[in-house]
Amino acid sequence: MRSADAASGSLGRITGYASKFDVWSTITERDSTGGIVRYLERVQPGAYAAASTRDPSGIRVLHSHGHDSLIGSRPIATLDTLTEDSTGLRYAGRLLDTIAGREVAPMLAAGVLGSSYRFRIDDQAWDDHPGQSSHNPTGLPERTIRAATVIEVGPTPFPAQTVTTAGIA
């Protein structure tokens, strides 16, 4: 699977939305005691404003957050842009012509992957008792991310936000 970028060591351009604004996602994780915690999470517009001004070269593009058993934590692409737009956090880069890049390229081309990202929370709001609503019928606690610093982005088969995208151009 080669494109016009093959001479430059690239399999093409990877693009996607690592996160979209105002989408409620159910998060299930372990707490410090090993117990299971579930809550709803959304990101508000403006949360990634700093990402648009930051040099993206220090942010890694990994498949499944580096947890893929075959690819591991090897970068699959170089990141050219990471910007916040009216939809969410958009990224684009060059898919590397490596074993890792070649493994992911057909999945990107087939459109079977979403995206995710690793981040540090800089500002958030919690509602521990929101009550029941159309987006939260069981009344789970809700977290709104108001500002975050992005550390890593990339495609994954199981994104927390099922509306995210990942593709190859």
Protein backbone atom coordinates (compact mmCIF):
# COMPACT_ATOMS: atom_id res chain seq x y z
CA MET A 1 0.00 0.00 0.00
CA ARG A 2 2.08 2.90 -1.27
CA SER A 3 1.19 6.42 -2.23
CA ALA A 4 2.96 9.31 -3.92
CA ASP A 5 4.66 10.01 -0.59
CA ALA A 6 6.51 6.66 -0.62
CA ALA A 7 9.77 8.24 -1.79
CA SER A 8 9.78 10.42 1.32
CA GLY A 9 9.29 7.45 3.66
CA SER A 10 5.56 8.10 4.07
CA LEU A 11 2.58 5.90 3.23
CA GLY A 12 0.27 8.90 2.92
CA ARG A 13 -1.43 11.34 5.25
CA ILE A 14 -3.17 10.23 8.41
CA THR A 15 -6.00 12.48 9.56
CA GLY A 16 -8.63 12.33 12.22
CA TYR A 17 -10.49 13.81 15.12
CA ALA A 18 -9.06 12.57 18.40
CA SER A 19 -11.92 14.16 20.31
CA LYS A 20 -15.17 15.92 19.50
CA PHE A 21 -16.84 18.61 21.57
CA ASP A 22 -19.94 18.13 23.71
CA VAL A 23 -20.18 14.37 23.16
CA TRP A 24 -20.94 12.43 26.32
CA SER A 25 -18.88 9.24 26.66
CA THR A 26 -19.05 6.61 29.37
CA ILE A 27 -15.66 6.15 30.99
CA THR A 28 -14.88 3.03 33.01
CA GLU A 29 -11.59 2.90 34.90
CA ARG A 30 -10.01 1.57 38.06
CA ASP A 31 -9.60 3.79 41.09
CA SER A 32 -6.61 3.78 43.44
CA THR A 33 -8.00 0.80 45.38
CA GLY A 34 -8.57 -1.32 42.26
CA GLY A 35 -12.32 -0.77 42.24
CA ILE A 36 -14.28 0.11 39.11
CA VAL A 37 -15.42 3.71 38.61
CA ARG A 38 -17.88 4.78 35.89
CA TYR A 39 -18.76 8.31 34.88
CA LEU A 40 -19.73 10.37 31.86
CA GLU A 41 -17.22 12.72 30.28
CA ARG A 42 -17.39 15.47 27.68
CA VAL A 43 -14.99 18.11 26.37
CA GLN A 44 -16.12 21.69 26.00
CA PRO A 45 -15.10 23.94 23.09
CA GLY A 46 -11.90 25.83 23.86
CA ALA A 47 -10.37 22.96 25.84
CA TYR A 48 -7.60 22.50 23.28
CA ALA A 49 -6.93 26.15 22.45
CA ALA A 50 -3.29 25.76 23.54
CA ALA A 51 -2.85 22.80 21.17
CA SER A 52 -3.19 25.08 18.16
CA THR A 53 -0.22 27.18 19.28
CA ARG A 54 2.02 24.30 20.41
CA ASP A 55 4.71 22.68 18.24
CA PRO A 56 3.21 19.26 17.43
CA SER A 57 6.59 17.56 16.87
CA GLY A 58 6.82 16.47 20.52
CA ILE A 59 3.43 14.74 20.45
CA ARG A 60 3.51 11.08 19.43
CA VAL A 61 1.10 9.35 17.05
CA LEU A 62 0.56 5.82 18.36
CA HIS A 63 -1.86 3.04 17.52
CA SER A 64 -4.10 2.15 20.50
CA HIS A 65 -2.06 4.37 22.83
CA GLY A 66 0.97 2.14 22.27
CA HIS A 67 -0.79 -0.91 23.70
CA ASP A 68 -1.13 -2.88 20.45
CA SER A 69 0.57 -6.26 21.01
CA LEU A 70 2.25 -6.23 17.58
CA ILE A 71 3.10 -2.56 17.14
CA GLY A 72 3.72 -1.61 20.75
CA SER A 73 4.76 1.98 21.46
CA ARG A 74 6.47 2.60 18.11
CA PRO A 75 5.20 5.81 16.47
CA ILE A 76 3.14 5.14 13.35
CA ALA A 77 3.26 8.70 12.00
CA THR A 78 4.81 12.10 12.37
CA LEU A 79 2.40 14.80 13.51
CA ASP A 80 2.22 17.88 11.29
CA THR A 81 -0.81 19.64 12.75
CA LEU A 82 -2.86 19.46 15.91
CA THR A 83 -5.63 22.04 16.01
CA GLU A 84 -8.88 22.82 17.69
CA ASP A 85 -11.69 23.70 15.31
CA SER A 86 -15.45 24.02 15.80
CA THR A 87 -15.83 20.20 15.83
CA GLY A 88 -13.03 19.18 18.18
CA LEU A 89 -9.35 18.20 18.23
CA ARG A 90 -8.15 17.53 14.68
CA TYR A 91 -4.78 16.00 13.81
CA ALA A 92 -2.88 15.28 10.61
CA GLY A 93 0.52 13.85 9.82
CA ARG A 94 2.54 11.54 7.62
CA LEU A 95 2.08 7.80 8.09
CA LEU A 96 5.57 6.30 8.37
CA ASP A 97 6.70 3.64 5.89
CA THR A 98 7.65 1.21 8.65
CA ILE A 99 6.31 -2.15 9.76
CA ALA A 100 4.09 -0.32 12.26
CA GLY A 101 2.80 2.12 9.62
CA ARG A 102 2.18 -0.65 7.10
CA GLU A 103 0.24 -2.64 9.71
CA VAL A 104 -2.13 0.27 10.44
CA ALA A 105 -2.52 1.66 6.88
CA PRO A 106 -5.12 -0.90 5.63
CA MET A 107 -7.27 -0.36 8.73
CA LEU A 108 -7.15 3.40 8.20
CA ALA A 109 -8.03 2.99 4.52
CA ALA A 110 -10.96 0.71 5.42
CA GLY A 111 -12.33 3.23 7.93
CA VAL A 112 -12.55 0.72 10.78
CA LEU A 113 -10.69 2.82 13.34
CA GLY A 114 -11.66 5.78 15.46
CA SER A 115 -9.19 7.98 17.33
CA SER A 116 -8.23 8.77 20.86
CA TYR A 117 -5.66 10.77 22.73
CA ARG A 118 -3.69 10.85 25.94
CA PHE A 119 -3.89 14.12 27.85
CA ARG A 120 -3.31 15.94 31.09
CA ILE A 121 -6.31 17.71 32.60
CA ASP A 122 -5.59 21.39 33.22
CA ASP A 123 -9.14 22.43 34.18
CA GLN A 124 -12.28 20.37 34.79
CA ALA A 125 -15.66 20.48 36.45
CA TRP A 126 -17.39 17.57 38.19
CA ASP A 127 -21.06 17.05 38.95
CA ASP A 128 -21.16 14.07 41.29
CA HIS A 129 -24.98 14.01 41.49
CA PRO A 130 -26.37 15.26 38.16
CA GLY A 131 -29.62 13.31 38.32
CA GLN A 132 -31.12 11.49 35.38
CA SER A 133 -31.32 13.06 31.93
CA SER A 134 -31.65 12.03 28.29
CA HIS A 135 -27.85 11.76 27.94
CA ASN A 136 -27.43 10.25 31.41
CA PRO A 137 -30.42 7.98 32.16
CA THR A 138 -28.76 6.37 35.20
CA GLY A 139 -27.42 9.58 36.76
CA LEU A 140 -23.71 8.73 36.62
CA PRO A 141 -21.30 11.44 37.81
CA GLU A 142 -20.32 13.83 35.00
CA ARG A 143 -16.96 15.37 34.19
CA THR A 144 -16.53 18.31 31.82
CA ILE A 145 -13.00 18.89 30.57
CA ARG A 146 -12.45 22.63 30.22
CA ALA A 147 -8.72 22.61 29.38
CA ALA A 148 -6.30 19.81 28.54
CA THR A 149 -2.72 19.37 27.36
CA VAL A 150 -2.37 16.74 24.64
CA ILE A 151 0.48 14.21 24.99
CA GLU A 152 -0.37 11.61 22.32
CA VAL A 153 -2.96 11.05 19.57
CA GLY A 154 -3.75 8.26 17.19
CA PRO A 155 -6.10 5.68 15.77
CA THR A 156 -7.65 2.95 17.89
CA PRO A 157 -10.29 0.27 17.35
CA PHE A 158 -12.09 1.14 20.62
CA PRO A 159 -12.21 4.92 21.19
CA ALA A 160 -13.94 6.27 24.30
CA GLN A 161 -15.73 8.72 22.00
CA THR A 162 -17.27 6.48 19.35
CA VAL A 163 -17.80 9.46 17.00
CA THR A 164 -14.08 10.11 16.51
CA THR A 165 -12.45 9.46 13.14
CA ALA A 166 -9.19 8.18 11.67
CA GLY A 167 -8.32 7.84 8.02
CA ILE A 168 -5.66 7.99 5.37
CA ALA A 169 -5.52 10.39 2.44
